[in-house]
C-alpha atoms as a PDB file:
ATOM      1  CA  MET A   1      14.550  13.375  -3.471  1.00  0.00           C
ATOM      2  CA  LYS A   2      14.783   9.882  -3.954  1.00  0.00           C
ATOM      3  CA  LEU A   3      12.407   6.651  -2.981  1.00  0.00           C
ATOM      4  CA  LEU A   4      14.016   3.490  -1.944  1.00  0.00           C
ATOM      5  CA  MET A   5      11.865   1.024  -2.485  1.00  0.00           C
ATOM      6  CA  SER A   6      10.671  -2.128  -3.781  1.00  0.00           C
ATOM      7  CA  PRO A   7       7.941  -2.854  -6.237  1.00  0.00           C
ATOM      8  CA  ALA A   8       6.488  -5.772  -4.973  1.00  0.00           C
ATOM      9  CA  SER A   9       5.364  -3.616  -1.785  1.00  0.00           C
ATOM     10  CA  PRO A  10       2.084  -2.806  -1.014  1.00  0.00           C
ATOM     11  CA  PHE A  11       3.275   0.235   0.692  1.00  0.00           C
ATOM     12  CA  VAL A  12       5.555   1.632  -1.644  1.00  0.00           C
ATOM     13  CA  ARG A  13       3.362   1.356  -4.782  1.00  0.00           C
ATOM     14  CA  LYS A  14       0.747   2.627  -2.665  1.00  0.00           C
ATOM     15  CA  VAL A  15       3.145   5.650  -2.593  1.00  0.00           C
ATOM     16  CA  ARG A  16       4.855   4.997  -7.016  1.00  0.00           C
ATOM     17  CA  VAL A  17       0.770   5.790  -7.693  1.00  0.00           C
ATOM     18  CA  VAL A  18       0.586   8.861  -5.744  1.00  0.00           C
ATOM     19  CA  LEU A  19       4.171   9.759  -7.941  1.00  0.00           C
ATOM     20  CA  ARG A  20       2.955   9.368 -11.288  1.00  0.00           C
ATOM     21  CA  GLU A  21      -0.548  11.042  -9.973  1.00  0.00           C
ATOM     22  CA  LEU A  22       0.564  14.239  -8.758  1.00  0.00           C
ATOM     23  CA  ASP A  23       3.576  14.188 -12.202  1.00  0.00           C
ATOM     24  CA  LEU A  24       6.711  14.116  -9.828  1.00  0.00           C
ATOM     25  CA  LEU A  25       8.220  11.466 -10.672  1.00  0.00           C
ATOM     26  CA  GLY A  26      10.623  14.379 -12.427  1.00  0.00           C
ATOM     27  CA  GLN A  27      11.432  14.845  -8.769  1.00  0.00           C
ATOM     28  CA  VAL A  28      11.649  11.589  -7.375  1.00  0.00           C
ATOM     29  CA  GLU A  29      13.785   9.100  -8.449  1.00  0.00           C
ATOM     30  CA  GLU A  30      12.778   5.927  -7.372  1.00  0.00           C
ATOM     31  CA  VAL A  31      15.962   3.393  -6.370  1.00  0.00           C
ATOM     32  CA  ASN A  32      15.379  -0.230  -5.787  1.00  0.00           C
ATOM     33  CA  VAL A  33      17.191  -1.810  -3.145  1.00  0.00           C
ATOM     34  CA  THR A  34      16.718  -5.431  -1.633  1.00  0.00           C
ATOM     35  CA  THR A  35      15.383  -5.520   1.895  1.00  0.00           C
ATOM     36  CA  THR A  36      13.641  -8.795   4.206  1.00  0.00           C
ATOM     37  CA  PRO A  37      12.585  -8.804   7.730  1.00  0.00           C
ATOM     38  CA  LEU A  38      15.560 -10.679   8.560  1.00  0.00           C
ATOM     39  CA  ALA A  39      18.139  -8.942   6.303  1.00  0.00           C
ATOM     40  CA  SER A  40      17.551  -4.728   6.362  1.00  0.00           C
ATOM     41  CA  ASP A  41      19.278  -3.251   3.801  1.00  0.00           C
ATOM     42  CA  PRO A  42      22.290  -0.820   5.037  1.00  0.00           C
ATOM     43  CA  VAL A  43      21.041   1.926   2.614  1.00  0.00           C
ATOM     44  CA  VAL A  44      17.492   1.481   3.533  1.00  0.00           C
ATOM     45  CA  ILE A  45      18.255   1.505   7.827  1.00  0.00           C
ATOM     46  CA  ALA A  46      20.355   4.853   7.578  1.00  0.00           C
ATOM     47  CA  ALA A  47      16.917   6.586   6.271  1.00  0.00           C
ATOM     48  CA  ASN A  48      14.543   4.743   9.002  1.00  0.00           C
ATOM     49  CA  PRO A  49      16.085   2.740  11.642  1.00  0.00           C
ATOM     50  CA  THR A  50      13.205  -0.054  11.370  1.00  0.00           C
ATOM     51  CA  GLY A  51      14.633  -0.815   8.200  1.00  0.00           C
ATOM     52  CA  LYS A  52      11.594  -0.655   6.400  1.00  0.00           C
ATOM     53  CA  ILE A  53      10.132   0.368   3.215  1.00  0.00           C
ATOM     54  CA  PRO A  54       9.354   3.057   1.544  1.00  0.00           C
ATOM     55  CA  ALA A  55      11.144   4.972   2.967  1.00  0.00           C
ATOM     56  CA  LEU A  56      11.947   9.005   1.243  1.00  0.00           C
ATOM     57  CA  THR A  57      15.225  10.709   1.122  1.00  0.00           C
ATOM     58  CA  ARG A  58      14.927  14.409   0.989  1.00  0.00           C
ATOM     59  CA  ASP A  59      17.787  17.519   0.417  1.00  0.00           C
ATOM     60  CA  THR A  60      16.244  19.183   2.797  1.00  0.00           C
ATOM     61  CA  GLY A  61      15.268  17.274   5.708  1.00  0.00           C
ATOM     62  CA  PRO A  62      15.962  14.085   6.510  1.00  0.00           C
ATOM     63  CA  ALA A  63      14.527  11.314   5.985  1.00  0.00           C
ATOM     64  CA  ILE A  64      10.782  10.283   6.011  1.00  0.00           C
ATOM     65  CA  TYR A  65       8.815   6.909   6.394  1.00  0.00           C
ATOM     66  CA  ASP A  66       5.974   4.799   6.552  1.00  0.00           C
ATOM     67  CA  SER A  67       3.944   5.041   3.383  1.00  0.00           C
ATOM     68  CA  ARG A  68       1.282   7.300   5.132  1.00  0.00           C
ATOM     69  CA  VAL A  69       3.660   9.898   5.560  1.00  0.00           C
ATOM     70  CA  ILE A  70       5.700   9.546   2.806  1.00  0.00           C
ATOM     71  CA  THR A  71       2.081   9.876   0.860  1.00  0.00           C
ATOM     72  CA  ARG A  72       0.662  13.155   2.771  1.00  0.00           C
ATOM     73  CA  PHE A  73       4.617  14.741   2.255  1.00  0.00           C
ATOM     74  CA  LEU A  74       3.794  14.298  -1.354  1.00  0.00           C
ATOM     75  CA  ASN A  75       0.580  15.504  -1.549  1.00  0.00           C
ATOM     76  CA  ASP A  76       1.323  19.050   0.364  1.00  0.00           C
ATOM     77  CA  HIS A  77       4.850  19.366  -2.119  1.00  0.00           C
ATOM     78  CA  ALA A  78       2.707  19.450  -4.751  1.00  0.00           C
ATOM     79  CA  SER A  79      -0.200  20.534  -4.063  1.00  0.00           C
ATOM     80  CA  GLY A  80      -2.328  18.001  -4.960  1.00  0.00           C
ATOM     81  CA  SER A  81      -6.206  16.468  -3.751  1.00  0.00           C
ATOM     82  CA  LEU A  82      -5.819  13.432  -2.194  1.00  0.00           C
ATOM     83  CA  TYR A  83      -6.676  14.693   0.969  1.00  0.00           C
ATOM     84  CA  PRO A  84      -9.407  16.761   0.834  1.00  0.00           C
ATOM     85  CA  GLN A  85      -9.966  18.858   4.327  1.00  0.00           C
ATOM     86  CA  SER A  86     -13.772  18.529   3.801  1.00  0.00           C
ATOM     87  CA  ARG A  87     -13.630  14.568   4.480  1.00  0.00           C
ATOM     88  CA  ILE A  88      -9.895  14.486   5.922  1.00  0.00           C
ATOM     89  CA  TRP A  89     -11.181  11.743   8.763  1.00  0.00           C
ATOM     90  CA  ASP A  90     -13.018   9.764   6.432  1.00  0.00           C
ATOM     91  CA  ILE A  91      -9.878   9.775   4.596  1.00  0.00           C
ATOM     92  CA  LEU A  92      -7.439   9.099   6.948  1.00  0.00           C
ATOM     93  CA  THR A  93      -9.534   6.266   8.206  1.00  0.00           C
ATOM     94  CA  LEU A  94     -10.002   4.284   4.551  1.00  0.00           C
ATOM     95  CA  GLU A  95      -6.618   4.432   4.218  1.00  0.00           C
ATOM     96  CA  ALA A  96      -5.865   3.241   7.665  1.00  0.00           C
ATOM     97  CA  THR A  97      -7.566   0.510   6.307  1.00  0.00           C
ATOM     98  CA  ALA A  98      -6.573  -0.013   3.224  1.00  0.00           C
ATOM     99  CA  ASP A  99      -3.297   0.288   5.241  1.00  0.00           C
ATOM    100  CA  ALA A 100      -4.375  -2.737   7.774  1.00  0.00           C
ATOM    101  CA  ILE A 101      -5.790  -5.775   4.550  1.00  0.00           C
ATOM    102  CA  MET A 102      -1.552  -4.895   3.472  1.00  0.00           C
ATOM    103  CA  GLU A 103      -0.304  -5.263   6.942  1.00  0.00           C
ATOM    104  CA  ALA A 104      -2.066  -8.666   7.766  1.00  0.00           C
ATOM    105  CA  ALA A 105      -1.703  -9.552   3.986  1.00  0.00           C
ATOM    106  CA  VAL A 106       2.414  -9.241   4.116  1.00  0.00           C
ATOM    107  CA  LEU A 107       2.299 -10.750   7.038  1.00  0.00           C
ATOM    108  CA  MET A 108       0.525 -14.143   5.619  1.00  0.00           C
ATOM    109  CA  THR A 109       3.587 -13.418   3.283  1.00  0.00           C
ATOM    110  CA  TYR A 110       6.277 -13.485   6.029  1.00  0.00           C
ATOM    111  CA  GLU A 111       4.959 -16.501   7.960  1.00  0.00           C
ATOM    112  CA  ALA A 112       5.849 -18.819   4.223  1.00  0.00           C
ATOM    113  CA  ARG A 113       8.414 -16.930   3.023  1.00  0.00           C
ATOM    114  CA  CYS A 114      10.586 -16.170   6.240  1.00  0.00           C
ATOM    115  CA  ARG A 115       9.954 -18.510   8.669  1.00  0.00           C
ATOM    116  CA  PRO A 116      11.230 -22.101   8.547  1.00  0.00           C
ATOM    117  CA  GLU A 117       8.401 -24.675   7.415  1.00  0.00           C
ATOM    118  CA  ALA A 118       8.667 -26.546  10.719  1.00  0.00           C
ATOM    119  CA  GLN A 119       8.209 -22.851  13.048  1.00  0.00           C
ATOM    120  CA  GLN A 120       5.029 -21.925  10.488  1.00  0.00           C
ATOM    121  CA  SER A 121       1.968 -21.325  12.335  1.00  0.00           C
ATOM    122  CA  SER A 122      -1.647 -21.934   9.830  1.00  0.00           C
ATOM    123  CA  ASP A 123      -3.512 -20.480  12.466  1.00  0.00           C
ATOM    124  CA  TRP A 124      -1.070 -17.149  12.237  1.00  0.00           C
ATOM    125  CA  VAL A 125      -2.109 -16.821   8.547  1.00  0.00           C
ATOM    126  CA  GLU A 126      -5.454 -17.787   8.938  1.00  0.00           C
ATOM    127  CA  ALA A 127      -6.277 -15.248  11.961  1.00  0.00           C
ATOM    128  CA  GLN A 128      -4.388 -12.847   9.712  1.00  0.00           C
ATOM    129  CA  TRP A 129      -6.235 -13.654   6.672  1.00  0.00           C
ATOM    130  CA  GLY A 130      -9.477 -13.722   8.997  1.00  0.00           C
ATOM    131  CA  LYS A 131      -8.404 -10.503   9.635  1.00  0.00           C
ATOM    132  CA  ALA A 132      -7.949  -8.287   5.947  1.00  0.00           C
ATOM    133  CA  SER A 133     -11.632 -11.203   4.899  1.00  0.00           C
ATOM    134  CA  ARG A 134     -13.301  -9.314   7.574  1.00  0.00           C
ATOM    135  CA  THR A 135     -12.168  -5.527   6.298  1.00  0.00           C
ATOM    136  CA  ILE A 136     -12.733  -6.134   2.953  1.00  0.00           C
ATOM    137  CA  ALA A 137     -16.116  -7.444   3.629  1.00  0.00           C
ATOM    138  CA  ALA A 138     -16.310  -3.556   5.508  1.00  0.00           C
ATOM    139  CA  VAL A 139     -15.415  -1.804   2.703  1.00  0.00           C
ATOM    140  CA  ASN A 140     -17.517  -3.881   0.356  1.00  0.00           C
ATOM    141  CA  THR A 141     -20.387  -2.907   2.498  1.00  0.00           C
ATOM    142  CA  ARG A 142     -19.189   0.043   4.657  1.00  0.00           C
ATOM    143  CA  TRP A 143     -17.181   1.960   2.208  1.00  0.00           C
ATOM    144  CA  LEU A 144     -17.991   1.095  -1.356  1.00  0.00           C
ATOM    145  CA  SER A 145     -19.382   4.664  -2.031  1.00  0.00           C
ATOM    146  CA  HIS A 146     -16.222   7.142  -0.600  1.00  0.00           C
ATOM    147  CA  LEU A 147     -14.865   5.925  -3.704  1.00  0.00           C
ATOM    148  CA  HIS A 148     -16.100   7.010  -6.513  1.00  0.00           C
ATOM    149  CA  GLY A 149     -16.083  10.253  -6.972  1.00  0.00           C
ATOM    150  CA  PRO A 150     -12.700  12.645  -7.464  1.00  0.00           C
ATOM    151  CA  LEU A 151      -9.383  10.590  -7.148  1.00  0.00           C
ATOM    152  CA  ASP A 152      -8.047  10.982  -3.740  1.00  0.00           C
ATOM    153  CA  ILE A 153      -5.586   8.548  -1.566  1.00  0.00           C
ATOM    154  CA  THR A 154      -8.494   6.012   0.071  1.00  0.00           C
ATOM    155  CA  GLN A 155      -8.948   4.840  -3.770  1.00  0.00           C
ATOM    156  CA  ILE A 156      -5.390   4.100  -4.488  1.00  0.00           C
ATOM    157  CA  GLY A 157      -4.620   2.549  -0.644  1.00  0.00           C
ATOM    158  CA  ILE A 158      -8.071   0.103  -1.208  1.00  0.00           C
ATOM    159  CA  ALA A 159      -6.844  -0.780  -5.171  1.00  0.00           C
ATOM    160  CA  CYS A 160      -2.838  -1.568  -4.179  1.00  0.00           C
ATOM    161  CA  ALA A 161      -3.954  -3.897  -0.895  1.00  0.00           C
ATOM    162  CA  LEU A 162      -6.441  -5.621  -3.447  1.00  0.00           C
ATOM    163  CA  SER A 163      -4.010  -5.991  -5.827  1.00  0.00           C
ATOM    164  CA  TYR A 164      -1.202  -7.746  -3.942  1.00  0.00           C
ATOM    165  CA  ILE A 165      -3.923  -9.964  -2.510  1.00  0.00           C
ATOM    166  CA  ASP A 166      -4.061 -10.803  -5.868  1.00  0.00           C
ATOM    167  CA  LEU A 167       0.095 -10.953  -6.443  1.00  0.00           C
ATOM    168  CA  ARG A 168       0.414 -13.032  -3.400  1.00  0.00           C
ATOM    169  CA  HIS A 169      -2.566 -15.077  -2.393  1.00  0.00           C
ATOM    170  CA  ASP A 170      -4.633 -15.006  -5.443  1.00  0.00           C
ATOM    171  CA  ALA A 171      -6.042 -18.419  -4.075  1.00  0.00           C
ATOM    172  CA  ARG A 172      -7.665 -16.607  -1.527  1.00  0.00           C
ATOM    173  CA  GLY A 173     -10.281 -15.154  -4.000  1.00  0.00           C
ATOM    174  CA  TRP A 174     -11.238 -12.359  -2.284  1.00  0.00           C
ATOM    175  CA  ARG A 175     -13.693 -11.353  -4.433  1.00  0.00           C
ATOM    176  CA  ASP A 176     -15.663 -13.899  -3.599  1.00  0.00           C
ATOM    177  CA  GLY A 177     -19.316 -11.477  -1.608  1.00  0.00           C
ATOM    178  CA  ASN A 178     -17.887  -8.047  -2.371  1.00  0.00           C
ATOM    179  CA  ALA A 179     -18.991  -7.760  -6.442  1.00  0.00           C
ATOM    180  CA  ASP A 180     -19.629  -4.129  -6.285  1.00  0.00           C
ATOM    181  CA  LEU A 181     -16.112  -3.739  -4.626  1.00  0.00           C
ATOM    182  CA  ALA A 182     -14.591  -6.733  -7.660  1.00  0.00           C
ATOM    183  CA  THR A 183     -15.850  -5.181  -9.829  1.00  0.00           C
ATOM    184  CA  TRP A 184     -14.812  -0.829  -8.531  1.00  0.00           C
ATOM    185  CA  HIS A 185     -11.559  -2.316  -8.468  1.00  0.00           C
ATOM    186  CA  ALA A 186     -10.773  -3.845 -12.026  1.00  0.00           C
ATOM    187  CA  THR A 187     -11.949  -0.378 -13.271  1.00  0.00           C
ATOM    188  CA  PHE A 188      -9.742   1.707 -11.019  1.00  0.00           C
ATOM    189  CA  MET A 189      -7.304  -0.738 -12.603  1.00  0.00           C
ATOM    190  CA  GLN A 190      -7.365   0.391 -15.940  1.00  0.00           C
ATOM    191  CA  ARG A 191      -6.059   3.407 -14.886  1.00  0.00           C
ATOM    192  CA  ASP A 192      -2.158   4.174 -16.053  1.00  0.00           C
ATOM    193  CA  SER A 193      -0.830   4.654 -12.554  1.00  0.00           C
ATOM    194  CA  MET A 194      -1.732   1.077 -11.812  1.00  0.00           C
ATOM    195  CA  GLN A 195      -0.954   0.260 -15.118  1.00  0.00           C
ATOM    196  CA  GLU A 196       3.221   1.553 -14.603  1.00  0.00           C
ATOM    197  CA  THR A 197       3.642  -0.162 -11.623  1.00  0.00           C
ATOM    198  CA  GLU A 198       1.978  -3.142 -11.533  1.00  0.00           C
ATOM    199  CA  VAL A 199       4.497  -6.440 -10.638  1.00  0.00           C
END
């Protein structure tokens, strides 16, 4: 199998962390591609017609894409425990919450990098940050207890989302008012899988 990826993507990083936590690096080759919303790599398009990464090509079937689909597939493939059935609806909801933070932060990045300066909208950027900051606050107040205990996909997703904000939007200061989540994140970042995927 091959993972079509770019290391800076938080969605890609989530999959790369899962590969390491499930000890699947020997079965999945990480293939770095250069793709943007305005110029998708043909290799990526062949795997995912939307041109988005990550995408996972398989020997036994068509490529699969969307990080949530890929991580669930890899967990099943490895008989992992990242999606405990006893808490599955909380798990899936918090995973979607992490992806929502990532999406808002990525859209902020794209606005600055992919649109001509004259067409950029500060209102759009602030609206995206509003989504991300409200969601981070909700994780800190409502979901923090779910981030403790045995490793699951929610911990990986939230850590990758917050780390992407550190990478691209550090000046926003997401830790302000979210001290407990910041402490959790600092501890989780010490995992080998997070260290090995840091850019």
